Structures are given as C-alpha cells and as structure tokens.
C-alpha cells in the first residue's frame, strides 16, 4: 500500500478514502482533475505475478465504480526477499518491490 500511495501522491491524486482492510476494495478512492478514481491494490510474494488479480472481486468493484462514474485501476505489487527471492520475507529485513504503475480496468 505504501508504494502505491506514494506513487499516487507523486502523480497528483488527492485521496478521498484509504482502506487498508484485507479483502476490502478499492483500497484508494482518489480525485485528479475532477475525475473520480478507484484503485485496487494487490500485493503478492515472489514467484506469484503481481499482474494477476481475482477476477470475481474485480468484477464487484467494477460494478461499484460504474455506479459512481469512477475510473478503475489495478496496482499489482510484488515483494521478495532482497538477498534471495526464494527466501521468505522477514520483518525488518531488506526486501525488493516490483511495482510498474497502474493498469486501467475501466
């Protein structure tokens, strides 16, 4: 969430709501240039691809976005141990982030 929030802030989005609860979407509700945006964030551990998402969940958010005349984006974030991608993440140890921006859904 931190990586995506920093990206959105740098891109000029204004946060209206932030939801960090697990399995609650969208995580970010933002405005930019008077347009409403919903951003769904999904973090995953290596070797899972950060570009994949739960289609059933995304379809529910799509309906919600359409009702609110909002654009919907997906932000996939991949995480891995910095020393060896195959090792687990350990609190307070270095990690790498694979985040390539937003993917437009609608």
PDB file of N, CA and C in Angstrom:
ATOM      1  N   UNK A   1       0.837  -1.191   0.000  1.00  0.00           N
ATOM      2  CA  UNK A   1       0.000   0.000   0.000  1.00  0.00           C
ATOM      3  C   UNK A   1       0.883   1.256   0.000  1.00  0.00           C
ATOM      4  N   UNK A   2       1.956   1.222   0.751  1.00  0.00           N
ATOM      5  CA  UNK A   2       2.825   2.390   0.856  1.00  0.00           C
ATOM      6  C   UNK A   2       3.397   2.777  -0.508  1.00  0.00           C
ATOM      7  N   UNK A   3       3.828   1.792  -1.272  1.00  0.00           N
ATOM      8  CA  UNK A   3       4.415   2.054  -2.585  1.00  0.00           C
ATOM      9  C   UNK A   3       3.392   2.701  -3.517  1.00  0.00           C
ATOM     10  N   UNK A   4       2.191   2.166  -3.525  1.00  0.00           N
ATOM     11  CA  UNK A   4       1.135   2.683  -4.399  1.00  0.00           C
ATOM     12  C   UNK A   4       0.694   4.071  -3.948  1.00  0.00           C
ATOM     13  N   UNK A   5       0.539   4.269  -2.646  1.00  0.00           N
ATOM     14  CA  UNK A   5       0.159   5.581  -2.118  1.00  0.00           C
ATOM     15  C   UNK A   5       1.161   6.658  -2.484  1.00  0.00           C
ATOM     16  N   UNK A   6       2.444   6.339  -2.380  1.00  0.00           N
ATOM     17  CA  UNK A   6       3.496   7.295  -2.750  1.00  0.00           C
ATOM     18  C   UNK A   6       3.435   7.612  -4.242  1.00  0.00           C
ATOM     19  N   UNK A   7       3.187   6.584  -5.055  1.00  0.00           N
ATOM     20  CA  UNK A   7       3.062   6.777  -6.500  1.00  0.00           C
ATOM     21  C   UNK A   7       1.888   7.703  -6.820  1.00  0.00           C
ATOM     22  N   UNK A   8       0.724   7.420  -6.223  1.00  0.00           N
ATOM     23  CA  UNK A   8      -0.459   8.238  -6.489  1.00  0.00           C
ATOM     24  C   UNK A   8      -0.238   9.688  -6.063  1.00  0.00           C
ATOM     25  N   UNK A   9       0.359   9.869  -4.915  1.00  0.00           N
ATOM     26  CA  UNK A   9       0.630  11.215  -4.410  1.00  0.00           C
ATOM     27  C   UNK A   9       1.565  11.974  -5.359  1.00  0.00           C
ATOM     28  N   UNK A  10       2.612  11.299  -5.832  1.00  0.00           N
ATOM     29  CA  UNK A  10       3.563  11.916  -6.758  1.00  0.00           C
ATOM     30  C   UNK A  10       2.907  12.272  -8.093  1.00  0.00           C
ATOM     31  N   UNK A  11       1.884  11.508  -8.481  1.00  0.00           N
ATOM     32  CA  UNK A  11       1.178  11.750  -9.742  1.00  0.00           C
ATOM     33  C   UNK A  11       0.082  12.804  -9.613  1.00  0.00           C
ATOM     34  N   UNK A  12      -0.133  13.323  -8.405  1.00  0.00           N
ATOM     35  CA  UNK A  12      -1.089  14.406  -8.215  1.00  0.00           C
ATOM     36  C   UNK A  12      -2.496  13.998  -7.845  1.00  0.00           C
ATOM     37  N   UNK A  13      -2.690  12.755  -7.412  1.00  0.00           N
ATOM     38  CA  UNK A  13      -4.011  12.311  -6.980  1.00  0.00           C
ATOM     39  C   UNK A  13      -4.281  12.832  -5.572  1.00  0.00           C
ATOM     40  N   UNK A  14      -5.529  13.209  -5.317  1.00  0.00           N
ATOM     41  CA  UNK A  14      -5.961  13.643  -3.987  1.00  0.00           C
ATOM     42  C   UNK A  14      -6.764  12.507  -3.369  1.00  0.00           C
ATOM     43  N   UNK A  15      -6.377  12.079  -2.185  1.00  0.00           N
ATOM     44  CA  UNK A  15      -7.034  10.948  -1.521  1.00  0.00           C
ATOM     45  C   UNK A  15      -8.336  11.376  -0.862  1.00  0.00           C
ATOM     46  N   UNK A  16      -9.411  10.656  -1.187  1.00  0.00           N
ATOM     47  CA  UNK A  16     -10.695  10.862  -0.524  1.00  0.00           C
ATOM     48  C   UNK A  16     -10.908   9.807   0.553  1.00  0.00           C
ATOM     49  N   UNK A  17     -10.425   8.588   0.292  1.00  0.00           N
ATOM     50  CA  UNK A  17     -10.553   7.494   1.249  1.00  0.00           C
ATOM     51  C   UNK A  17      -9.439   6.479   1.005  1.00  0.00           C
ATOM     52  N   UNK A  18      -8.975   5.892   2.108  1.00  0.00           N
ATOM     53  CA  UNK A  18      -7.969   4.842   2.042  1.00  0.00           C
ATOM     54  C   UNK A  18      -8.473   3.694   2.895  1.00  0.00           C
ATOM     55  N   UNK A  19      -8.505   2.489   2.307  1.00  0.00           N
ATOM     56  CA  UNK A  19      -8.993   1.306   3.008  1.00  0.00           C
ATOM     57  C   UNK A  19      -7.892   0.253   3.026  1.00  0.00           C
ATOM     58  N   UNK A  20      -7.336  -0.016   4.188  1.00  0.00           N
ATOM     59  CA  UNK A  20      -6.245  -0.988   4.284  1.00  0.00           C
ATOM     60  C   UNK A  20      -6.706  -2.330   4.847  1.00  0.00           C
ATOM     61  N   UNK A  21      -8.010  -2.527   4.965  1.00  0.00           N
ATOM     62  CA  UNK A  21      -8.517  -3.811   5.454  1.00  0.00           C
ATOM     63  C   UNK A  21      -8.343  -4.887   4.385  1.00  0.00           C
ATOM     64  N   UNK A  22      -7.972  -6.071   4.822  1.00  0.00           N
ATOM     65  CA  UNK A  22      -7.757  -7.186   3.894  1.00  0.00           C
ATOM     66  C   UNK A  22      -9.066  -7.561   3.210  1.00  0.00           C
ATOM     67  N   UNK A  23      -8.970  -7.817   1.909  1.00  0.00           N
ATOM     68  CA  UNK A  23     -10.094  -8.222   1.051  1.00  0.00           C
ATOM     69  C   UNK A  23     -11.201  -7.178   0.962  1.00  0.00           C
ATOM     70  N   UNK A  24     -10.869  -5.908   1.191  1.00  0.00           N
ATOM     71  CA  UNK A  24     -11.816  -4.810   1.023  1.00  0.00           C
ATOM     72  C   UNK A  24     -11.312  -3.938  -0.111  1.00  0.00           C
ATOM     73  N   UNK A  25     -12.126  -3.721  -1.101  1.00  0.00           N
ATOM     74  CA  UNK A  25     -11.696  -2.940  -2.257  1.00  0.00           C
ATOM     75  C   UNK A  25     -12.728  -1.882  -2.586  1.00  0.00           C
ATOM     76  N   UNK A  26     -12.343  -0.787  -3.167  1.00  0.00           N
ATOM     77  CA  UNK A  26     -10.992  -0.404  -3.536  1.00  0.00           C
ATOM     78  C   UNK A  26     -10.193   0.066  -2.324  1.00  0.00           C
ATOM     79  N   UNK A  27      -8.874   0.006  -2.428  1.00  0.00           N
ATOM     80  CA  UNK A  27      -8.027   0.467  -1.337  1.00  0.00           C
ATOM     81  C   UNK A  27      -7.880   1.990  -1.353  1.00  0.00           C
ATOM     82  N   UNK A  28      -7.907   2.572  -2.538  1.00  0.00           N
ATOM     83  CA  UNK A  28      -7.806   4.030  -2.657  1.00  0.00           C
ATOM     84  C   UNK A  28      -8.978   4.565  -3.461  1.00  0.00           C
ATOM     85  N   UNK A  29      -9.574   5.625  -2.954  1.00  0.00           N
ATOM     86  CA  UNK A  29     -10.561   6.406  -3.691  1.00  0.00           C
ATOM     87  C   UNK A  29      -9.931   7.787  -3.816  1.00  0.00           C
ATOM     88  N   UNK A  30      -9.704   8.220  -5.051  1.00  0.00           N
ATOM     89  CA  UNK A  30      -8.956   9.450  -5.304  1.00  0.00           C
ATOM     90  C   UNK A  30      -9.665  10.323  -6.333  1.00  0.00           C
ATOM     91  N   UNK A  31      -9.223  11.564  -6.369  1.00  0.00           N
ATOM     92  CA  UNK A  31      -9.682  12.508  -7.389  1.00  0.00           C
ATOM     93  C   UNK A  31      -8.452  13.130  -8.023  1.00  0.00           C
ATOM     94  N   UNK A  32      -8.515  13.273  -9.349  1.00  0.00           N
ATOM     95  CA  UNK A  32      -7.480  14.000 -10.082  1.00  0.00           C
ATOM     96  C   UNK A  32      -8.162  14.674 -11.263  1.00  0.00           C
ATOM     97  N   UNK A  33      -7.957  15.956 -11.378  1.00  0.00           N
ATOM     98  CA  UNK A  33      -8.580  16.735 -12.452  1.00  0.00           C
ATOM     99  C   UNK A  33     -10.095  16.545 -12.480  1.00  0.00           C
ATOM    100  N   UNK A  34     -10.706  16.528 -11.304  1.00  0.00           N
ATOM    101  CA  UNK A  34     -12.157  16.410 -11.116  1.00  0.00           C
ATOM    102  C   UNK A  34     -12.722  15.066 -11.580  1.00  0.00           C
ATOM    103  N   UNK A  35     -11.864  14.043 -11.713  1.00  0.00           N
ATOM    104  CA  UNK A  35     -12.292  12.702 -12.095  1.00  0.00           C
ATOM    105  C   UNK A  35     -12.081  11.786 -10.895  1.00  0.00           C
ATOM    106  N   UNK A  36     -13.088  10.935 -10.627  1.00  0.00           N
ATOM    107  CA  UNK A  36     -13.026  10.001  -9.512  1.00  0.00           C
ATOM    108  C   UNK A  36     -12.324   8.714  -9.943  1.00  0.00           C
ATOM    109  N   UNK A  37     -11.408   8.225  -9.110  1.00  0.00           N
ATOM    110  CA  UNK A  37     -10.651   7.002  -9.388  1.00  0.00           C
ATOM    111  C   UNK A  37     -10.763   6.035  -8.228  1.00  0.00           C
ATOM    112  N   UNK A  38     -10.955   4.765  -8.562  1.00  0.00           N
ATOM    113  CA  UNK A  38     -10.861   3.679  -7.596  1.00  0.00           C
ATOM    114  C   UNK A  38      -9.602   2.899  -7.950  1.00  0.00           C
ATOM    115  N   UNK A  39      -8.775   2.610  -6.948  1.00  0.00           N
ATOM    116  CA  UNK A  39      -7.543   1.862  -7.174  1.00  0.00           C
ATOM    117  C   UNK A  39      -7.552   0.631  -6.273  1.00  0.00           C
ATOM    118  N   UNK A  40      -7.492  -0.535  -6.897  1.00  0.00           N
ATOM    119  CA  UNK A  40      -7.430  -1.807  -6.184  1.00  0.00           C
ATOM    120  C   UNK A  40      -5.966  -2.219  -6.116  1.00  0.00           C
ATOM    121  N   UNK A  41      -5.472  -2.474  -4.904  1.00  0.00           N
ATOM    122  CA  UNK A  41      -4.082  -2.862  -4.700  1.00  0.00           C
ATOM    123  C   UNK A  41      -4.034  -4.332  -4.309  1.00  0.00           C
ATOM    124  N   UNK A  42      -3.117  -5.062  -4.933  1.00  0.00           N
ATOM    125  CA  UNK A  42      -2.906  -6.465  -4.572  1.00  0.00           C
ATOM    126  C   UNK A  42      -1.408  -6.712  -4.444  1.00  0.00           C
ATOM    127  N   UNK A  43      -0.986  -7.107  -3.254  1.00  0.00           N
ATOM    128  CA  UNK A  43       0.422  -7.450  -3.034  1.00  0.00           C
ATOM    129  C   UNK A  43       0.555  -8.964  -3.032  1.00  0.00           C
ATOM    130  N   UNK A  44       1.668  -9.441  -3.571  1.00  0.00           N
ATOM    131  CA  UNK A  44       1.918 -10.873  -3.607  1.00  0.00           C
ATOM    132  C   UNK A  44       3.401 -11.144  -3.414  1.00  0.00           C
ATOM    133  N   UNK A  45       3.705 -12.348  -3.015  1.00  0.00           N
ATOM    134  CA  UNK A  45       5.092 -12.758  -2.810  1.00  0.00           C
ATOM    135  C   UNK A  45       5.621 -13.473  -4.035  1.00  0.00           C
ATOM    136  N   UNK A  46       6.900 -13.272  -4.311  1.00  0.00           N
ATOM    137  CA  UNK A  46       7.580 -13.995  -5.378  1.00  0.00           C
ATOM    138  C   UNK A  46       7.423 -15.483  -5.123  1.00  0.00           C
ATOM    139  N   UNK A  47       7.113 -16.308  -6.113  1.00  0.00           N
ATOM    140  CA  UNK A  47       7.166 -16.104  -7.556  1.00  0.00           C
ATOM    141  C   UNK A  47       5.827 -15.741  -8.187  1.00  0.00           C
ATOM    142  N   UNK A  48       4.790 -15.482  -7.401  1.00  0.00           N
ATOM    143  CA  UNK A  48       3.496 -15.107  -7.970  1.00  0.00           C
ATOM    144  C   UNK A  48       3.614 -13.773  -8.713  1.00  0.00           C
ATOM    145  N   UNK A  49       2.934 -13.670  -9.841  1.00  0.00           N
ATOM    146  CA  UNK A  49       2.987 -12.467 -10.653  1.00  0.00           C
ATOM    147  C   UNK A  49       2.135 -11.352 -10.048  1.00  0.00           C
ATOM    148  N   UNK A  50       2.695 -10.155  -9.904  1.00  0.00           N
ATOM    149  CA  UNK A  50       1.902  -9.034  -9.377  1.00  0.00           C
ATOM    150  C   UNK A  50       0.860  -8.528 -10.369  1.00  0.00           C
ATOM    151  N   UNK A  51       0.882  -9.018 -11.588  1.00  0.00           N
ATOM    152  CA  UNK A  51      -0.078  -8.563 -12.601  1.00  0.00           C
ATOM    153  C   UNK A  51      -1.397  -9.325 -12.552  1.00  0.00           C
ATOM    154  N   UNK A  52      -1.470 -10.406 -11.763  1.00  0.00           N
ATOM    155  CA  UNK A  52      -2.713 -11.185 -11.708  1.00  0.00           C
ATOM    156  C   UNK A  52      -3.576 -10.724 -10.535  1.00  0.00           C
ATOM    157  N   UNK A  53      -4.880 -10.811 -10.743  1.00  0.00           N
ATOM    158  CA  UNK A  53      -5.826 -10.412  -9.699  1.00  0.00           C
ATOM    159  C   UNK A  53      -7.044 -11.318  -9.722  1.00  0.00           C
ATOM    160  N   UNK A  54      -7.831 -11.234  -8.665  1.00  0.00           N
ATOM    161  CA  UNK A  54      -9.053 -12.020  -8.502  1.00  0.00           C
ATOM    162  C   UNK A  54     -10.147 -11.390  -9.377  1.00  0.00           C
ATOM    163  N   UNK A  55     -10.520 -12.077 -10.437  1.00  0.00           N
ATOM    164  CA  UNK A  55     -11.490 -11.536 -11.396  1.00  0.00           C
ATOM    165  C   UNK A  55     -12.864 -11.344 -10.747  1.00  0.00           C
ATOM    166  N   UNK A  56     -13.268 -12.267  -9.896  1.00  0.00           N
ATOM    167  CA  UNK A  56     -14.574 -12.166  -9.234  1.00  0.00           C
ATOM    168  C   UNK A  56     -14.631 -10.900  -8.365  1.00  0.00           C
ATOM    169  N   UNK A  57     -13.575 -10.671  -7.593  1.00  0.00           N
ATOM    170  CA  UNK A  57     -13.517  -9.473  -6.746  1.00  0.00           C
ATOM    171  C   UNK A  57     -13.484  -8.213  -7.610  1.00  0.00           C
ATOM    172  N   UNK A  58     -12.700  -8.249  -8.689  1.00  0.00           N
ATOM    173  CA  UNK A  58     -12.578  -7.076  -9.550  1.00  0.00           C
ATOM    174  C   UNK A  58     -13.913  -6.752 -10.219  1.00  0.00           C
ATOM    175  N   UNK A  59     -14.682  -7.758 -10.578  1.00  0.00           N
ATOM    176  CA  UNK A  59     -15.996  -7.514 -11.179  1.00  0.00           C
ATOM    177  C   UNK A  59     -16.933  -6.814 -10.209  1.00  0.00           C
ATOM    178  N   UNK A  60     -16.854  -7.151  -8.925  1.00  0.00           N
ATOM    179  CA  UNK A  60     -17.675  -6.462  -7.911  1.00  0.00           C
ATOM    180  C   UNK A  60     -17.278  -4.987  -7.819  1.00  0.00           C
ATOM    181  N   UNK A  61     -15.981  -4.730  -7.832  1.00  0.00           N
ATOM    182  CA  UNK A  61     -15.509  -3.349  -7.753  1.00  0.00           C
ATOM    183  C   UNK A  61     -15.864  -2.594  -9.031  1.00  0.00           C
ATOM    184  N   UNK A  62     -15.851  -3.290 -10.169  1.00  0.00           N
ATOM    185  CA  UNK A  62     -16.230  -2.682 -11.451  1.00  0.00           C
ATOM    186  C   UNK A  62     -17.661  -2.146 -11.393  1.00  0.00           C
ATOM    187  N   UNK A  63     -18.558  -2.942 -10.839  1.00  0.00           N
ATOM    188  CA  UNK A  63     -19.966  -2.532 -10.708  1.00  0.00           C
ATOM    189  C   UNK A  63     -20.050  -1.278  -9.840  1.00  0.00           C
ATOM    190  N   UNK A  64     -19.329  -1.298  -8.726  1.00  0.00           N
ATOM    191  CA  UNK A  64     -19.313  -0.157  -7.800  1.00  0.00           C
ATOM    192  C   UNK A  64     -18.746   1.090  -8.488  1.00  0.00           C
ATOM    193  N   UNK A  65     -17.680   0.913  -9.280  1.00  0.00           N
ATOM    194  CA  UNK A  65     -17.066   2.038  -9.984  1.00  0.00           C
ATOM    195  C   UNK A  65     -18.032   2.630 -11.009  1.00  0.00           C
ATOM    196  N   UNK A  66     -18.711   1.761 -11.759  1.00  0.00           N
ATOM    197  CA  UNK A  66     -19.654   2.243 -12.767  1.00  0.00           C
ATOM    198  C   UNK A  66     -20.798   3.020 -12.134  1.00  0.00           C
ATOM    199  N   UNK A  67     -21.301   2.529 -10.978  1.00  0.00           N
ATOM    200  CA  UNK A  67     -22.384   3.231 -10.280  1.00  0.00           C
ATOM    201  C   UNK A  67     -21.954   4.624  -9.848  1.00  0.00           C
ATOM    202  N   UNK A  68     -20.669   4.784  -9.539  1.00  0.00           N
ATOM    203  CA  UNK A  68     -20.151   6.062  -9.054  1.00  0.00           C
ATOM    204  C   UNK A  68     -19.443   6.867 -10.135  1.00  0.00           C
ATOM    205  N   UNK A  69     -19.566   6.413 -11.388  1.00  0.00           N
ATOM    206  CA  UNK A  69     -18.939   7.093 -12.521  1.00  0.00           C
ATOM    207  C   UNK A  69     -17.443   7.312 -12.275  1.00  0.00           C
ATOM    208  N   UNK A  70     -16.785   6.251 -11.780  1.00  0.00           N
ATOM    209  CA  UNK A  70     -15.351   6.321 -11.455  1.00  0.00           C
ATOM    210  C   UNK A  70     -14.545   5.472 -12.426  1.00  0.00           C
ATOM    211  N   UNK A  71     -13.305   5.860 -12.609  1.00  0.00           N
ATOM    212  CA  UNK A  71     -12.366   5.037 -13.366  1.00  0.00           C
ATOM    213  C   UNK A  71     -11.758   4.045 -12.394  1.00  0.00           C
ATOM    214  N   UNK A  72     -11.505   2.829 -12.886  1.00  0.00           N
ATOM    215  CA  UNK A  72     -10.991   1.760 -12.034  1.00  0.00           C
ATOM    216  C   UNK A  72      -9.611   1.340 -12.509  1.00  0.00           C
ATOM    217  N   UNK A  73      -8.676   1.301 -11.574  1.00  0.00           N
ATOM    218  CA  UNK A  73      -7.313   0.886 -11.868  1.00  0.00           C
ATOM    219  C   UNK A  73      -6.873  -0.217 -10.907  1.00  0.00           C
ATOM    220  N   UNK A  74      -5.945  -1.037 -11.392  1.00  0.00           N
ATOM    221  CA  UNK A  74      -5.354  -2.104 -10.588  1.00  0.00           C
ATOM    222  C   UNK A  74      -3.877  -1.798 -10.383  1.00  0.00           C
ATOM    223  N   UNK A  75      -3.410  -1.981  -9.151  1.00  0.00           N
ATOM    224  CA  UNK A  75      -1.997  -1.786  -8.825  1.00  0.00           C
ATOM    225  C   UNK A  75      -1.472  -3.086  -8.220  1.00  0.00           C
ATOM    226  N   UNK A  76      -0.730  -3.835  -9.012  1.00  0.00           N
ATOM    227  CA  UNK A  76      -0.130  -5.074  -8.528  1.00  0.00           C
ATOM    228  C   UNK A  76       1.261  -4.797  -7.978  1.00  0.00           C
ATOM    229  N   UNK A  77       1.528  -5.335  -6.790  1.00  0.00           N
ATOM    230  CA  UNK A  77       2.816  -5.112  -6.133  1.00  0.00           C
ATOM    231  C   UNK A  77       3.416  -6.464  -5.768  1.00  0.00           C
ATOM    232  N   UNK A  78       4.581  -6.742  -6.318  1.00  0.00           N
ATOM    233  CA  UNK A  78       5.295  -7.975  -5.993  1.00  0.00           C
ATOM    234  C   UNK A  78       6.369  -7.700  -4.959  1.00  0.00           C
ATOM    235  N   UNK A  79       6.509  -8.602  -3.998  1.00  0.00           N
ATOM    236  CA  UNK A  79       7.501  -8.455  -2.934  1.00  0.00           C
ATOM    237  C   UNK A  79       8.378  -9.694  -2.871  1.00  0.00           C
ATOM    238  N   UNK A  80       9.665  -9.480  -2.550  1.00  0.00           N
ATOM    239  CA  UNK A  80      10.587 -10.607  -2.419  1.00  0.00           C
ATOM    240  C   UNK A  80      11.718 -10.231  -1.470  1.00  0.00           C
ATOM    241  N   UNK A  81      12.331 -11.239  -0.888  1.00  0.00           N
ATOM    242  CA  UNK A  81      13.497 -11.061  -0.039  1.00  0.00           C
ATOM    243  C   UNK A  81      14.616 -10.473  -0.891  1.00  0.00           C
ATOM    244  N   UNK A  82      15.288  -9.428  -0.396  1.00  0.00           N
ATOM    245  CA  UNK A  82      16.312  -8.746  -1.186  1.00  0.00           C
ATOM    246  C   UNK A  82      17.561  -9.596  -1.398  1.00  0.00           C
ATOM    247  N   UNK A  83      17.880 -10.474  -0.468  1.00  0.00           N
ATOM    248  CA  UNK A  83      19.095 -11.292  -0.584  1.00  0.00           C
ATOM    249  C   UNK A  83      18.891 -12.489  -1.498  1.00  0.00           C
ATOM    250  N   UNK A  84      17.719 -13.099  -1.413  1.00  0.00           N
ATOM    251  CA  UNK A  84      17.413 -14.282  -2.217  1.00  0.00           C
ATOM    252  C   UNK A  84      15.899 -14.344  -2.380  1.00  0.00           C
ATOM    253  N   UNK A  85      15.430 -14.213  -3.615  1.00  0.00           N
ATOM    254  CA  UNK A  85      13.991 -14.183  -3.873  1.00  0.00           C
ATOM    255  C   UNK A  85      13.267 -15.409  -3.341  1.00  0.00           C
ATOM    256  N   UNK A  86      13.956 -16.516  -3.211  1.00  0.00           N
ATOM    257  CA  UNK A  86      13.313 -17.750  -2.762  1.00  0.00           C
ATOM    258  C   UNK A  86      13.205 -17.854  -1.241  1.00  0.00           C
ATOM    259  N   UNK A  87      13.842 -16.946  -0.511  1.00  0.00           N
ATOM    260  CA  UNK A  87      13.727 -16.933   0.947  1.00  0.00           C
ATOM    261  C   UNK A  87      12.479 -16.148   1.344  1.00  0.00           C
ATOM    262  N   UNK A  88      11.903 -16.465   2.503  1.00  0.00           N
ATOM    263  CA  UNK A  88      10.711 -15.722   2.939  1.00  0.00           C
ATOM    264  C   UNK A  88      11.066 -14.297   3.360  1.00  0.00           C
ATOM    265  N   UNK A  89      10.054 -13.451   3.377  1.00  0.00           N
ATOM    266  CA  UNK A  89      10.238 -12.095   3.892  1.00  0.00           C
ATOM    267  C   UNK A  89      10.279 -12.162   5.413  1.00  0.00           C
ATOM    268  N   UNK A  90      11.189 -11.419   5.986  1.00  0.00           N
ATOM    269  CA  UNK A  90      11.320 -11.374   7.440  1.00  0.00           C
ATOM    270  C   UNK A  90      11.238  -9.913   7.863  1.00  0.00           C
ATOM    271  N   UNK A  91      10.451  -9.663   8.915  1.00  0.00           N
ATOM    272  CA  UNK A  91      10.248  -8.305   9.398  1.00  0.00           C
ATOM    273  C   UNK A  91      11.588  -7.614   9.654  1.00  0.00           C
ATOM    274  N   UNK A  92      11.680  -6.363   9.232  1.00  0.00           N
ATOM    275  CA  UNK A  92      12.855  -5.509   9.388  1.00  0.00           C
ATOM    276  C   UNK A  92      14.060  -5.938   8.559  1.00  0.00           C
ATOM    277  N   UNK A  93      13.892  -6.874   7.629  1.00  0.00           N
ATOM    278  CA  UNK A  93      14.958  -7.257   6.706  1.00  0.00           C
ATOM    279  C   UNK A  93      14.687  -6.619   5.350  1.00  0.00           C
ATOM    280  N   UNK A  94      15.740  -6.409   4.551  1.00  0.00           N
ATOM    281  CA  UNK A  94      15.543  -5.767   3.247  1.00  0.00           C
ATOM    282  C   UNK A  94      14.676  -6.604   2.303  1.00  0.00           C
ATOM    283  N   UNK A  95      13.892  -5.900   1.501  1.00  0.00           N
ATOM    284  CA  UNK A  95      13.039  -6.547   0.509  1.00  0.00           C
ATOM    285  C   UNK A  95      13.039  -5.722  -0.767  1.00  0.00           C
ATOM    286  N   UNK A  96      12.653  -6.345  -1.859  1.00  0.00           N
ATOM    287  CA  UNK A  96      12.533  -5.639  -3.136  1.00  0.00           C
ATOM    288  C   UNK A  96      11.061  -5.550  -3.508  1.00  0.00           C
ATOM    289  N   UNK A  97      10.738  -4.494  -4.236  1.00  0.00           N
ATOM    290  CA  UNK A  97       9.362  -4.237  -4.645  1.00  0.00           C
ATOM    291  C   UNK A  97       9.300  -4.212  -6.170  1.00  0.00           C
ATOM    292  N   UNK A  98       8.324  -4.932  -6.727  1.00  0.00           N
ATOM    293  CA  UNK A  98       8.074  -4.921  -8.163  1.00  0.00           C
ATOM    294  C   UNK A  98       6.717  -4.251  -8.374  1.00  0.00           C
ATOM    295  N   UNK A  99       6.743  -2.971  -8.723  1.00  0.00           N
ATOM    296  CA  UNK A  99       5.518  -2.211  -8.980  1.00  0.00           C
ATOM    297  C   UNK A  99       5.734  -1.395 -10.237  1.00  0.00           C
ATOM    298  N   UNK A 100       4.935  -1.645 -11.246  1.00  0.00           N
ATOM    299  CA  UNK A 100       5.102  -0.992 -12.544  1.00  0.00           C
ATOM    300  C   UNK A 100       3.975  -0.028 -12.877  1.00  0.00           C
ATOM    301  N   UNK A 101       3.371   0.578 -11.880  1.00  0.00           N
ATOM    302  CA  UNK A 101       2.328   1.554 -12.134  1.00  0.00           C
ATOM    303  C   UNK A 101       0.932   0.947 -12.150  1.00  0.00           C
ATOM    304  N   UNK A 102      -0.002   1.728 -12.647  1.00  0.00           N
ATOM    305  CA  UNK A 102      -1.411   1.352 -12.639  1.00  0.00           C
ATOM    306  C   UNK A 102      -1.817   0.705 -13.958  1.00  0.00           C
ATOM    307  N   UNK A 103      -2.711  -0.276 -13.845  1.00  0.00           N
ATOM    308  CA  UNK A 103      -3.298  -0.919 -15.020  1.00  0.00           C
ATOM    309  C   UNK A 103      -4.768  -0.521 -15.086  1.00  0.00           C
ATOM    310  N   UNK A 104      -5.182   0.071 -16.200  1.00  0.00           N
ATOM    311  CA  UNK A 104      -6.566   0.522 -16.347  1.00  0.00           C
ATOM    312  C   UNK A 104      -7.489  -0.683 -16.533  1.00  0.00           C
ATOM    313  N   UNK A 105      -8.546  -0.742 -15.736  1.00  0.00           N
ATOM    314  CA  UNK A 105      -9.565  -1.780 -15.845  1.00  0.00           C
ATOM    315  C   UNK A 105     -10.774  -1.205 -16.594  1.00  0.00           C
ATOM    316  N   UNK A 106     -11.302  -0.077 -16.125  1.00  0.00           N
ATOM    317  CA  UNK A 106     -12.361   0.653 -16.854  1.00  0.00           C
ATOM    318  C   UNK A 106     -12.110   2.146 -16.723  1.00  0.00           C
TER     319      UNK A 106
END
